[in-house]
Amino acid sequence: MVEDNDAVHRTRLANERTLLAWWRTGFALFALGVGIGRLVPELASTRPWPYEVIGVSFAGVGVVFVWIGHRRAREVEQALDRGEFVPFSAGLSVALTLAATILGIATIGVILGAH
């Protein structure tokens, strides 16, 4: 019984660390959005609008990461209370991968198209 209780405690602590990782990723995306959307156009003396669009998009994905982390942490806690496991959504994984891929390609396009 003590071993099972310890495992649940370790899992809850791991869930907290995972939540903080989601937050760190979201905050990094906020910083990236500011860098791309505000700093790069000023430093490069180029048209700002493509960088602003990409910067806002990165920040928007950052907001999504913070909220997904919150939701996922709640789901895991509730599953632990029931003695169950809740896998990460394959659909959400694909959606995040697509968002990152689209933003990456857009960033490459803006870099290559800059004059």
PDB file of N, CA and C in Angstrom:
ATOM      1  N   MET A   1       0.825  -1.202   0.000  1.00  0.00           N
ATOM      2  CA  MET A   1       0.000   0.000   0.000  1.00  0.00           C
ATOM      3  C   MET A   1       0.866   1.262   0.000  1.00  0.00           C
ATOM      4  N   VAL A   2       1.937   1.279   0.775  1.00  0.00           N
ATOM      5  CA  VAL A   2       2.807   2.441   0.824  1.00  0.00           C
ATOM      6  C   VAL A   2       3.460   2.661  -0.535  1.00  0.00           C
ATOM      7  N   GLU A   3       3.856   1.569  -1.199  1.00  0.00           N
ATOM      8  CA  GLU A   3       4.492   1.683  -2.504  1.00  0.00           C
ATOM      9  C   GLU A   3       3.546   2.319  -3.518  1.00  0.00           C
ATOM     10  N   ASP A   4       2.277   1.898  -3.528  1.00  0.00           N
ATOM     11  CA  ASP A   4       1.294   2.471  -4.453  1.00  0.00           C
ATOM     12  C   ASP A   4       1.094   3.959  -4.171  1.00  0.00           C
ATOM     13  N   ASN A   5       1.023   4.315  -2.894  1.00  0.00           N
ATOM     14  CA  ASN A   5       0.830   5.704  -2.503  1.00  0.00           C
ATOM     15  C   ASN A   5       2.032   6.541  -2.939  1.00  0.00           C
ATOM     16  N   ASP A   6       3.235   6.011  -2.768  1.00  0.00           N
ATOM     17  CA  ASP A   6       4.439   6.723  -3.210  1.00  0.00           C
ATOM     18  C   ASP A   6       4.433   6.927  -4.717  1.00  0.00           C
ATOM     19  N   ALA A   7       4.000   5.921  -5.457  1.00  0.00           N
ATOM     20  CA  ALA A   7       3.950   6.033  -6.916  1.00  0.00           C
ATOM     21  C   ALA A   7       2.978   7.141  -7.336  1.00  0.00           C
ATOM     22  N   VAL A   8       1.844   7.219  -6.677  1.00  0.00           N
ATOM     23  CA  VAL A   8       0.870   8.269  -6.994  1.00  0.00           C
ATOM     24  C   VAL A   8       1.455   9.635  -6.668  1.00  0.00           C
ATOM     25  N   HIS A   9       2.149   9.747  -5.547  1.00  0.00           N
ATOM     26  CA  HIS A   9       2.762  11.030  -5.177  1.00  0.00           C
ATOM     27  C   HIS A   9       3.811  11.443  -6.209  1.00  0.00           C
ATOM     28  N   ARG A  10       4.630  10.490  -6.641  1.00  0.00           N
ATOM     29  CA  ARG A  10       5.639  10.796  -7.658  1.00  0.00           C
ATOM     30  C   ARG A  10       4.971  11.208  -8.977  1.00  0.00           C
ATOM     31  N   THR A  11       3.879  10.547  -9.306  1.00  0.00           N
ATOM     32  CA  THR A  11       3.170  10.888 -10.537  1.00  0.00           C
ATOM     33  C   THR A  11       2.567  12.285 -10.445  1.00  0.00           C
ATOM     34  N   ARG A  12       2.034  12.641  -9.289  1.00  0.00           N
ATOM     35  CA  ARG A  12       1.482  13.991  -9.109  1.00  0.00           C
ATOM     36  C   ARG A  12       2.580  15.046  -9.225  1.00  0.00           C
ATOM     37  N   LEU A  13       3.743  14.768  -8.652  1.00  0.00           N
ATOM     38  CA  LEU A  13       4.854  15.713  -8.765  1.00  0.00           C
ATOM     39  C   LEU A  13       5.342  15.816 -10.210  1.00  0.00           C
ATOM     40  N   ALA A  14       5.372  14.690 -10.908  1.00  0.00           N
ATOM     41  CA  ALA A  14       5.746  14.711 -12.325  1.00  0.00           C
ATOM     42  C   ALA A  14       4.728  15.522 -13.127  1.00  0.00           C
ATOM     43  N   ASN A  15       3.464  15.409 -12.763  1.00  0.00           N
ATOM     44  CA  ASN A  15       2.417  16.176 -13.437  1.00  0.00           C
ATOM     45  C   ASN A  15       2.642  17.677 -13.234  1.00  0.00           C
ATOM     46  N   GLU A  16       3.049  18.066 -12.026  1.00  0.00           N
ATOM     47  CA  GLU A  16       3.352  19.472 -11.775  1.00  0.00           C
ATOM     48  C   GLU A  16       4.526  19.947 -12.630  1.00  0.00           C
ATOM     49  N   ARG A  17       5.563  19.129 -12.721  1.00  0.00           N
ATOM     50  CA  ARG A  17       6.719  19.500 -13.544  1.00  0.00           C
ATOM     51  C   ARG A  17       6.328  19.606 -15.014  1.00  0.00           C
ATOM     52  N   THR A  18       5.448  18.731 -15.451  1.00  0.00           N
ATOM     53  CA  THR A  18       4.991  18.772 -16.838  1.00  0.00           C
ATOM     54  C   THR A  18       4.185  20.042 -17.099  1.00  0.00           C
ATOM     55  N   LEU A  19       3.346  20.430 -16.153  1.00  0.00           N
ATOM     56  CA  LEU A  19       2.598  21.684 -16.284  1.00  0.00           C
ATOM     57  C   LEU A  19       3.561  22.851 -16.437  1.00  0.00           C
ATOM     58  N   LEU A  20       4.594  22.875 -15.604  1.00  0.00           N
ATOM     59  CA  LEU A  20       5.568  23.960 -15.702  1.00  0.00           C
ATOM     60  C   LEU A  20       6.312  23.927 -17.036  1.00  0.00           C
ATOM     61  N   ALA A  21       6.529  22.752 -17.599  1.00  0.00           N
ATOM     62  CA  ALA A  21       7.161  22.650 -18.921  1.00  0.00           C
ATOM     63  C   ALA A  21       6.249  23.235 -20.008  1.00  0.00           C
ATOM     64  N   TRP A  22       4.951  22.961 -19.908  1.00  0.00           N
ATOM     65  CA  TRP A  22       4.005  23.570 -20.857  1.00  0.00           C
ATOM     66  C   TRP A  22       4.073  25.092 -20.739  1.00  0.00           C
ATOM     67  N   TRP A  23       4.103  25.594 -19.498  1.00  0.00           N
ATOM     68  CA  TRP A  23       4.178  27.038 -19.282  1.00  0.00           C
ATOM     69  C   TRP A  23       5.475  27.612 -19.847  1.00  0.00           C
ATOM     70  N   ARG A  24       6.605  26.950 -19.567  1.00  0.00           N
ATOM     71  CA  ARG A  24       7.886  27.444 -20.090  1.00  0.00           C
ATOM     72  C   ARG A  24       7.853  27.526 -21.616  1.00  0.00           C
ATOM     73  N   THR A  25       7.273  26.528 -22.230  1.00  0.00           N
ATOM     74  CA  THR A  25       7.173  26.540 -23.690  1.00  0.00           C
ATOM     75  C   THR A  25       6.295  27.705 -24.142  1.00  0.00           C
ATOM     76  N   GLY A  26       5.179  27.913 -23.470  1.00  0.00           N
ATOM     77  CA  GLY A  26       4.307  29.043 -23.807  1.00  0.00           C
ATOM     78  C   GLY A  26       5.022  30.371 -23.650  1.00  0.00           C
ATOM     79  N   PHE A  27       5.741  30.546 -22.542  1.00  0.00           N
ATOM     80  CA  PHE A  27       6.456  31.801 -22.316  1.00  0.00           C
ATOM     81  C   PHE A  27       7.575  32.001 -23.337  1.00  0.00           C
ATOM     82  N   ALA A  28       8.248  30.919 -23.725  1.00  0.00           N
ATOM     83  CA  ALA A  28       9.281  31.011 -24.764  1.00  0.00           C
ATOM     84  C   ALA A  28       8.653  31.456 -26.088  1.00  0.00           C
ATOM     85  N   LEU A  29       7.465  30.946 -26.378  1.00  0.00           N
ATOM     86  CA  LEU A  29       6.771  31.354 -27.601  1.00  0.00           C
ATOM     87  C   LEU A  29       6.345  32.817 -27.543  1.00  0.00           C
ATOM     88  N   PHE A  30       5.976  33.316 -26.351  1.00  0.00           N
ATOM     89  CA  PHE A  30       5.666  34.740 -26.216  1.00  0.00           C
ATOM     90  C   PHE A  30       6.905  35.570 -26.558  1.00  0.00           C
ATOM     91  N   ALA A  31       8.047  35.182 -25.997  1.00  0.00           N
ATOM     92  CA  ALA A  31       9.293  35.916 -26.246  1.00  0.00           C
ATOM     93  C   ALA A  31       9.682  35.843 -27.727  1.00  0.00           C
ATOM     94  N   LEU A  32       9.520  34.675 -28.314  1.00  0.00           N
ATOM     95  CA  LEU A  32       9.815  34.511 -29.739  1.00  0.00           C
ATOM     96  C   LEU A  32       8.906  35.414 -30.572  1.00  0.00           C
ATOM     97  N   GLY A  33       7.633  35.493 -30.189  1.00  0.00           N
ATOM     98  CA  GLY A  33       6.699  36.359 -30.902  1.00  0.00           C
ATOM     99  C   GLY A  33       7.114  37.819 -30.854  1.00  0.00           C
ATOM    100  N   VAL A  34       7.554  38.272 -29.691  1.00  0.00           N
ATOM    101  CA  VAL A  34       8.027  39.659 -29.567  1.00  0.00           C
ATOM    102  C   VAL A  34       9.284  39.862 -30.409  1.00  0.00           C
ATOM    103  N   GLY A  35      10.187  38.903 -30.339  1.00  0.00           N
ATOM    104  CA  GLY A  35      11.427  39.015 -31.100  1.00  0.00           C
ATOM    105  C   GLY A  35      11.182  39.092 -32.593  1.00  0.00           C
ATOM    106  N   ILE A  36      10.355  38.177 -33.086  1.00  0.00           N
ATOM    107  CA  ILE A  36      10.081  38.152 -34.532  1.00  0.00           C
ATOM    108  C   ILE A  36       9.187  39.325 -34.937  1.00  0.00           C
ATOM    109  N   GLY A  37       8.177  39.616 -34.148  1.00  0.00           N
ATOM    110  CA  GLY A  37       7.196  40.627 -34.542  1.00  0.00           C
ATOM    111  C   GLY A  37       7.632  42.063 -34.347  1.00  0.00           C
ATOM    112  N   ARG A  38       8.526  42.313 -33.386  1.00  0.00           N
ATOM    113  CA  ARG A  38       8.918  43.699 -33.105  1.00  0.00           C
ATOM    114  C   ARG A  38      10.407  43.974 -33.337  1.00  0.00           C
ATOM    115  N   LEU A  39      11.248  43.086 -32.858  1.00  0.00           N
ATOM    116  CA  LEU A  39      12.679  43.369 -32.913  1.00  0.00           C
ATOM    117  C   LEU A  39      13.281  43.164 -34.302  1.00  0.00           C
ATOM    118  N   VAL A  40      12.949  42.063 -34.952  1.00  0.00           N
ATOM    119  CA  VAL A  40      13.552  41.768 -36.259  1.00  0.00           C
ATOM    120  C   VAL A  40      13.251  42.861 -37.288  1.00  0.00           C
ATOM    121  N   PRO A  41      12.001  43.306 -37.434  1.00  0.00           N
ATOM    122  CA  PRO A  41      11.760  44.352 -38.449  1.00  0.00           C
ATOM    123  C   PRO A  41      12.543  45.640 -38.177  1.00  0.00           C
ATOM    124  N   GLU A  42      12.693  46.001 -36.905  1.00  0.00           N
ATOM    125  CA  GLU A  42      13.454  47.211 -36.581  1.00  0.00           C
ATOM    126  C   GLU A  42      14.928  47.041 -36.907  1.00  0.00           C
ATOM    127  N   LEU A  43      15.480  45.904 -36.539  1.00  0.00           N
ATOM    128  CA  LEU A  43      16.901  45.672 -36.765  1.00  0.00           C
ATOM    129  C   LEU A  43      17.223  45.481 -38.243  1.00  0.00           C
ATOM    130  N   ALA A  44      16.309  44.885 -38.980  1.00  0.00           N
ATOM    131  CA  ALA A  44      16.556  44.589 -40.395  1.00  0.00           C
ATOM    132  C   ALA A  44      16.070  45.694 -41.323  1.00  0.00           C
ATOM    133  N   SER A  45      15.387  46.691 -40.783  1.00  0.00           N
ATOM    134  CA  SER A  45      14.828  47.780 -41.605  1.00  0.00           C
ATOM    135  C   SER A  45      14.071  47.219 -42.806  1.00  0.00           C
ATOM    136  N   THR A  46      13.084  46.406 -42.499  1.00  0.00           N
ATOM    137  CA  THR A  46      12.314  45.744 -43.552  1.00  0.00           C
ATOM    138  C   THR A  46      10.823  45.967 -43.306  1.00  0.00           C
ATOM    139  N   ARG A  47      10.017  45.502 -44.236  1.00  0.00           N
ATOM    140  CA  ARG A  47       8.555  45.590 -44.062  1.00  0.00           C
ATOM    141  C   ARG A  47       8.175  44.850 -42.772  1.00  0.00           C
ATOM    142  N   PRO A  48       7.443  45.485 -41.887  1.00  0.00           N
ATOM    143  CA  PRO A  48       7.150  44.831 -40.610  1.00  0.00           C
ATOM    144  C   PRO A  48       5.995  43.830 -40.646  1.00  0.00           C
ATOM    145  N   TRP A  49       5.036  44.009 -41.558  1.00  0.00           N
ATOM    146  CA  TRP A  49       3.803  43.224 -41.436  1.00  0.00           C
ATOM    147  C   TRP A  49       4.001  41.711 -41.485  1.00  0.00           C
ATOM    148  N   PRO A  50       4.867  41.137 -42.337  1.00  0.00           N
ATOM    149  CA  PRO A  50       4.993  39.677 -42.307  1.00  0.00           C
ATOM    150  C   PRO A  50       5.549  39.180 -40.975  1.00  0.00           C
ATOM    151  N   TYR A  51       6.486  39.938 -40.413  1.00  0.00           N
ATOM    152  CA  TYR A  51       7.066  39.563 -39.127  1.00  0.00           C
ATOM    153  C   TYR A  51       6.048  39.714 -38.002  1.00  0.00           C
ATOM    154  N   GLU A  52       5.225  40.745 -38.095  1.00  0.00           N
ATOM    155  CA  GLU A  52       4.181  40.947 -37.077  1.00  0.00           C
ATOM    156  C   GLU A  52       3.174  39.804 -37.096  1.00  0.00           C
ATOM    157  N   VAL A  53       2.778  39.381 -38.290  1.00  0.00           N
ATOM    158  CA  VAL A  53       1.819  38.264 -38.404  1.00  0.00           C
ATOM    159  C   VAL A  53       2.411  36.995 -37.797  1.00  0.00           C
ATOM    160  N   ILE A  54       3.653  36.702 -38.144  1.00  0.00           N
ATOM    161  CA  ILE A  54       4.291  35.501 -37.609  1.00  0.00           C
ATOM    162  C   ILE A  54       4.516  35.632 -36.104  1.00  0.00           C
ATOM    163  N   GLY A  55       4.929  36.808 -35.648  1.00  0.00           N
ATOM    164  CA  GLY A  55       5.135  37.026 -34.215  1.00  0.00           C
ATOM    165  C   GLY A  55       3.857  36.840 -33.414  1.00  0.00           C
ATOM    166  N   VAL A  56       2.771  37.414 -33.894  1.00  0.00           N
ATOM    167  CA  VAL A  56       1.477  37.247 -33.216  1.00  0.00           C
ATOM    168  C   VAL A  56       1.053  35.779 -33.235  1.00  0.00           C
ATOM    169  N   SER A  57       1.327  35.098 -34.328  1.00  0.00           N
ATOM    170  CA  SER A  57       0.977  33.671 -34.421  1.00  0.00           C
ATOM    171  C   SER A  57       1.750  32.843 -33.407  1.00  0.00           C
ATOM    172  N   PHE A  58       3.058  33.115 -33.273  1.00  0.00           N
ATOM    173  CA  PHE A  58       3.845  32.404 -32.266  1.00  0.00           C
ATOM    174  C   PHE A  58       3.307  32.683 -30.858  1.00  0.00           C
ATOM    175  N   ALA A  59       2.980  33.933 -30.575  1.00  0.00           N
ATOM    176  CA  ALA A  59       2.429  34.267 -29.258  1.00  0.00           C
ATOM    177  C   ALA A  59       1.084  33.581 -29.040  1.00  0.00           C
ATOM    178  N   GLY A  60       0.271  33.503 -30.094  1.00  0.00           N
ATOM    179  CA  GLY A  60      -1.016  32.804 -29.985  1.00  0.00           C
ATOM    180  C   GLY A  60      -0.834  31.332 -29.671  1.00  0.00           C
ATOM    181  N   VAL A  61       0.142  30.704 -30.312  1.00  0.00           N
ATOM    182  CA  VAL A  61       0.422  29.299 -30.003  1.00  0.00           C
ATOM    183  C   VAL A  61       0.919  29.186 -28.560  1.00  0.00           C
ATOM    184  N   GLY A  62       1.650  30.190 -28.084  1.00  0.00           N
ATOM    185  CA  GLY A  62       2.080  30.205 -26.683  1.00  0.00           C
ATOM    186  C   GLY A  62       0.900  30.200 -25.721  1.00  0.00           C
ATOM    187  N   VAL A  63      -0.115  30.991 -26.027  1.00  0.00           N
ATOM    188  CA  VAL A  63      -1.336  31.002 -25.204  1.00  0.00           C
ATOM    189  C   VAL A  63      -1.973  29.608 -25.203  1.00  0.00           C
ATOM    190  N   VAL A  64      -2.015  28.987 -26.374  1.00  0.00           N
ATOM    191  CA  VAL A  64      -2.582  27.642 -26.484  1.00  0.00           C
ATOM    192  C   VAL A  64      -1.791  26.668 -25.612  1.00  0.00           C
ATOM    193  N   PHE A  65      -0.463  26.754 -25.621  1.00  0.00           N
ATOM    194  CA  PHE A  65       0.357  25.858 -24.809  1.00  0.00           C
ATOM    195  C   PHE A  65       0.064  26.024 -23.316  1.00  0.00           C
ATOM    196  N   VAL A  66      -0.074  27.264 -22.853  1.00  0.00           N
ATOM    197  CA  VAL A  66      -0.366  27.492 -21.435  1.00  0.00           C
ATOM    198  C   VAL A  66      -1.702  26.852 -21.064  1.00  0.00           C
ATOM    199  N   TRP A  67      -2.716  27.019 -21.902  1.00  0.00           N
ATOM    200  CA  TRP A  67      -4.032  26.458 -21.609  1.00  0.00           C
ATOM    201  C   TRP A  67      -4.064  24.939 -21.745  1.00  0.00           C
ATOM    202  N   ILE A  68      -3.349  24.398 -22.725  1.00  0.00           N
ATOM    203  CA  ILE A  68      -3.285  22.941 -22.839  1.00  0.00           C
ATOM    204  C   ILE A  68      -2.619  22.360 -21.603  1.00  0.00           C
ATOM    205  N   GLY A  69      -1.553  22.999 -21.142  1.00  0.00           N
ATOM    206  CA  GLY A  69      -0.886  22.531 -19.924  1.00  0.00           C
ATOM    207  C   GLY A  69      -1.830  22.506 -18.745  1.00  0.00           C
ATOM    208  N   HIS A  70      -2.616  23.554 -18.596  1.00  0.00           N
ATOM    209  CA  HIS A  70      -3.591  23.613 -17.503  1.00  0.00           C
ATOM    210  C   HIS A  70      -4.613  22.477 -17.623  1.00  0.00           C
ATOM    211  N   ARG A  71      -5.167  22.348 -18.825  1.00  0.00           N
ATOM    212  CA  ARG A  71      -6.183  21.304 -19.032  1.00  0.00           C
ATOM    213  C   ARG A  71      -5.622  19.906 -18.823  1.00  0.00           C
ATOM    214  N   ARG A  72      -4.432  19.673 -19.358  1.00  0.00           N
ATOM    215  CA  ARG A  72      -3.808  18.354 -19.235  1.00  0.00           C
ATOM    216  C   ARG A  72      -3.509  18.032 -17.761  1.00  0.00           C
ATOM    217  N   ALA A  73      -3.005  19.006 -17.009  1.00  0.00           N
ATOM    218  CA  ALA A  73      -2.712  18.784 -15.588  1.00  0.00           C
ATOM    219  C   ALA A  73      -3.991  18.410 -14.832  1.00  0.00           C
ATOM    220  N   ARG A  74      -5.089  19.095 -15.133  1.00  0.00           N
ATOM    221  CA  ARG A  74      -6.372  18.769 -14.487  1.00  0.00           C
ATOM    222  C   ARG A  74      -6.834  17.369 -14.859  1.00  0.00           C
ATOM    223  N   GLU A  75      -6.726  17.010 -16.141  1.00  0.00           N
ATOM    224  CA  GLU A  75      -7.137  15.672 -16.587  1.00  0.00           C
ATOM    225  C   GLU A  75      -6.344  14.582 -15.880  1.00  0.00           C
ATOM    226  N   VAL A  76      -5.040  14.780 -15.775  1.00  0.00           N
ATOM    227  CA  VAL A  76      -4.182  13.779 -15.125  1.00  0.00           C
ATOM    228  C   VAL A  76      -4.526  13.672 -13.642  1.00  0.00           C
ATOM    229  N   GLU A  77      -4.725  14.801 -12.973  1.00  0.00           N
ATOM    230  CA  GLU A  77      -5.090  14.775 -11.544  1.00  0.00           C
ATOM    231  C   GLU A  77      -6.410  14.036 -11.322  1.00  0.00           C
ATOM    232  N   GLN A  78      -7.388  14.315 -12.157  1.00  0.00           N
ATOM    233  CA  GLN A  78      -8.679  13.641 -12.023  1.00  0.00           C
ATOM    234  C   GLN A  78      -8.554  12.148 -12.295  1.00  0.00           C
ATOM    235  N   ALA A  79      -7.746  11.785 -13.279  1.00  0.00           N
ATOM    236  CA  ALA A  79      -7.530  10.362 -13.572  1.00  0.00           C
ATOM    237  C   ALA A  79      -6.828   9.677 -12.404  1.00  0.00           C
ATOM    238  N   LEU A  80      -5.862  10.344 -11.803  1.00  0.00           N
ATOM    239  CA  LEU A  80      -5.177   9.766 -10.636  1.00  0.00           C
ATOM    240  C   LEU A  80      -6.151   9.561  -9.478  1.00  0.00           C
ATOM    241  N   ASP A  81      -7.050  10.513  -9.282  1.00  0.00           N
ATOM    242  CA  ASP A  81      -8.065  10.370  -8.227  1.00  0.00           C
ATOM    243  C   ASP A  81      -8.942   9.140  -8.450  1.00  0.00           C
ATOM    244  N   ARG A  82      -9.192   8.810  -9.719  1.00  0.00           N
ATOM    245  CA  ARG A  82     -10.014   7.645 -10.058  1.00  0.00           C
ATOM    246  C   ARG A  82      -9.187   6.366 -10.192  1.00  0.00           C
ATOM    247  N   GLY A  83      -7.859   6.494 -10.103  1.00  0.00           N
ATOM    248  CA  GLY A  83      -6.990   5.341 -10.280  1.00  0.00           C
ATOM    249  C   GLY A  83      -6.853   4.927 -11.729  1.00  0.00           C
ATOM    250  N   GLU A  84      -6.980   5.899 -12.640  1.00  0.00           N
ATOM    251  CA  GLU A  84      -6.933   5.613 -14.070  1.00  0.00           C
ATOM    252  C   GLU A  84      -5.765   6.343 -14.724  1.00  0.00           C
ATOM    253  N   PHE A  85      -5.576   6.055 -15.988  1.00  0.00           N
ATOM    254  CA  PHE A  85      -4.566   6.723 -16.812  1.00  0.00           C
ATOM    255  C   PHE A  85      -5.282   7.420 -17.951  1.00  0.00           C
ATOM    256  N   VAL A  86      -4.847   8.624 -18.284  1.00  0.00           N
ATOM    257  CA  VAL A  86      -5.430   9.347 -19.407  1.00  0.00           C
ATOM    258  C   VAL A  86      -4.308   9.660 -20.398  1.00  0.00           C
ATOM    259  N   PRO A  87      -4.364   9.033 -21.582  1.00  0.00           N
ATOM    260  CA  PRO A  87      -3.309   9.285 -22.577  1.00  0.00           C
ATOM    261  C   PRO A  87      -3.456  10.670 -23.192  1.00  0.00           C
ATOM    262  N   PHE A  88      -2.344  11.157 -23.730  1.00  0.00           N
ATOM    263  CA  PHE A  88      -2.370  12.438 -24.424  1.00  0.00           C
ATOM    264  C   PHE A  88      -3.100  12.264 -25.749  1.00  0.00           C
ATOM    265  N   SER A  89      -3.897  13.222 -26.112  1.00  0.00           N
ATOM    266  CA  SER A  89      -4.709  13.163 -27.323  1.00  0.00           C
ATOM    267  C   SER A  89      -3.844  13.148 -28.581  1.00  0.00           C
ATOM    268  N   ALA A  90      -4.043  12.134 -29.399  1.00  0.00           N
ATOM    269  CA  ALA A  90      -3.316  12.052 -30.672  1.00  0.00           C
ATOM    270  C   ALA A  90      -3.713  13.211 -31.584  1.00  0.00           C
ATOM    271  N   GLY A  91      -4.980  13.585 -31.568  1.00  0.00           N
ATOM    272  CA  GLY A  91      -5.449  14.698 -32.392  1.00  0.00           C
ATOM    273  C   GLY A  91      -4.801  16.015 -31.995  1.00  0.00           C
ATOM    274  N   LEU A  92      -4.667  16.235 -30.692  1.00  0.00           N
ATOM    275  CA  LEU A  92      -4.026  17.459 -30.216  1.00  0.00           C
ATOM    276  C   LEU A  92      -2.545  17.462 -30.582  1.00  0.00           C
ATOM    277  N   SER A  93      -1.918  16.316 -30.491  1.00  0.00           N
ATOM    278  CA  SER A  93      -0.516  16.202 -30.888  1.00  0.00           C
ATOM    279  C   SER A  93      -0.339  16.561 -32.363  1.00  0.00           C
ATOM    280  N   VAL A  94      -1.222  16.063 -33.206  1.00  0.00           N
ATOM    281  CA  VAL A  94      -1.157  16.382 -34.639  1.00  0.00           C
ATOM    282  C   VAL A  94      -1.408  17.868 -34.860  1.00  0.00           C
ATOM    283  N   ALA A  95      -2.377  18.442 -34.159  1.00  0.00           N
ATOM    284  CA  ALA A  95      -2.685  19.870 -34.320  1.00  0.00           C
ATOM    285  C   ALA A  95      -1.498  20.744 -33.932  1.00  0.00           C
ATOM    286  N   LEU A  96      -0.845  20.428 -32.817  1.00  0.00           N
ATOM    287  CA  LEU A  96       0.325  21.203 -32.396  1.00  0.00           C
ATOM    288  C   LEU A  96       1.482  21.038 -33.375  1.00  0.00           C
ATOM    289  N   THR A  97       1.644  19.827 -33.891  1.00  0.00           N
ATOM    290  CA  THR A  97       2.694  19.580 -34.875  1.00  0.00           C
ATOM    291  C   THR A  97       2.435  20.368 -36.153  1.00  0.00           C
ATOM    292  N   LEU A  98       1.185  20.402 -36.592  1.00  0.00           N
ATOM    293  CA  LEU A  98       0.836  21.184 -37.787  1.00  0.00           C
ATOM    294  C   LEU A  98       1.067  22.681 -37.561  1.00  0.00           C
ATOM    295  N   ALA A  99       0.663  23.174 -36.401  1.00  0.00           N
ATOM    296  CA  ALA A  99       0.856  24.598 -36.101  1.00  0.00           C
ATOM    297  C   ALA A  99       2.342  24.951 -36.119  1.00  0.00           C
ATOM    298  N   ALA A 100       3.155  24.113 -35.489  1.00  0.00           N
ATOM    299  CA  ALA A 100       4.599  24.370 -35.463  1.00  0.00           C
ATOM    300  C   ALA A 100       5.191  24.289 -36.864  1.00  0.00           C
ATOM    301  N   THR A 101       4.751  23.334 -37.650  1.00  0.00           N
ATOM    302  CA  THR A 101       5.259  23.180 -39.012  1.00  0.00           C
ATOM    303  C   THR A 101       4.887  24.387 -39.873  1.00  0.00           C
ATOM    304  N   ILE A 102       3.650  24.820 -39.786  1.00  0.00           N
ATOM    305  CA  ILE A 102       3.194  25.979 -40.566  1.00  0.00           C
ATOM    306  C   ILE A 102       3.965  27.235 -40.165  1.00  0.00           C
ATOM    307  N   LEU A 103       4.132  27.443 -38.854  1.00  0.00           N
ATOM    308  CA  LEU A 103       4.876  28.619 -38.403  1.00  0.00           C
ATOM    309  C   LEU A 103       6.341  28.541 -38.812  1.00  0.00           C
ATOM    310  N   GLY A 104       6.913  27.358 -38.764  1.00  0.00           N
ATOM    311  CA  GLY A 104       8.298  27.190 -39.200  1.00  0.00           C
ATOM    312  C   GLY A 104       8.470  27.500 -40.671  1.00  0.00           C
ATOM    313  N   ILE A 105       7.577  26.990 -41.488  1.00  0.00           N
ATOM    314  CA  ILE A 105       7.641  27.252 -42.933  1.00  0.00           C
ATOM    315  C   ILE A 105       7.413  28.740 -43.215  1.00  0.00           C
ATOM    316  N   ALA A 106       6.472  29.354 -42.506  1.00  0.00           N
ATOM    317  CA  ALA A 106       6.227  30.791 -42.690  1.00  0.00           C
ATOM    318  C   ALA A 106       7.453  31.605 -42.299  1.00  0.00           C
ATOM    319  N   THR A 107       8.104  31.214 -41.224  1.00  0.00           N
ATOM    320  CA  THR A 107       9.308  31.915 -40.786  1.00  0.00           C
ATOM    321  C   THR A 107      10.417  31.786 -41.832  1.00  0.00           C
ATOM    322  N   ILE A 108      10.603  30.594 -42.341  1.00  0.00           N
ATOM    323  CA  ILE A 108      11.602  30.386 -43.396  1.00  0.00           C
ATOM    324  C   ILE A 108      11.271  31.242 -44.610  1.00  0.00           C
ATOM    325  N   GLY A 109       9.990  31.283 -44.978  1.00  0.00           N
ATOM    326  CA  GLY A 109       9.570  32.085 -46.132  1.00  0.00           C
ATOM    327  C   GLY A 109       9.855  33.568 -45.946  1.00  0.00           C
ATOM    328  N   VAL A 110       9.575  34.081 -44.757  1.00  0.00           N
ATOM    329  CA  VAL A 110       9.814  35.494 -44.494  1.00  0.00           C
ATOM    330  C   VAL A 110      11.310  35.794 -44.487  1.00  0.00           C
ATOM    331  N   ILE A 111      12.094  34.893 -43.927  1.00  0.00           N
ATOM    332  CA  ILE A 111      13.554  35.105 -43.904  1.00  0.00           C
ATOM    333  C   ILE A 111      14.110  35.109 -45.334  1.00  0.00           C
ATOM    334  N   LEU A 112      13.699  34.128 -46.120  1.00  0.00           N
ATOM    335  CA  LEU A 112      14.204  34.031 -47.493  1.00  0.00           C
ATOM    336  C   LEU A 112      13.670  35.147 -48.385  1.00  0.00           C
ATOM    337  N   GLY A 113      12.494  35.669 -48.072  1.00  0.00           N
ATOM    338  CA  GLY A 113      11.903  36.726 -48.893  1.00  0.00           C
ATOM    339  C   GLY A 113      12.301  38.132 -48.485  1.00  0.00           C
ATOM    340  N   ALA A 114      13.043  38.266 -47.382  1.00  0.00           N
ATOM    341  CA  ALA A 114      13.456  39.592 -46.910  1.00  0.00           C
ATOM    342  C   ALA A 114      14.487  40.203 -47.866  1.00  0.00           C
ATOM    343  N   HIS A 115      14.361  41.492 -48.071  1.00  0.00           N
ATOM    344  CA  HIS A 115      15.316  42.183 -48.975  1.00  0.00           C
ATOM    345  C   HIS A 115      16.107  43.183 -48.199  1.00  0.00           C
TER     346      HIS A 115
END
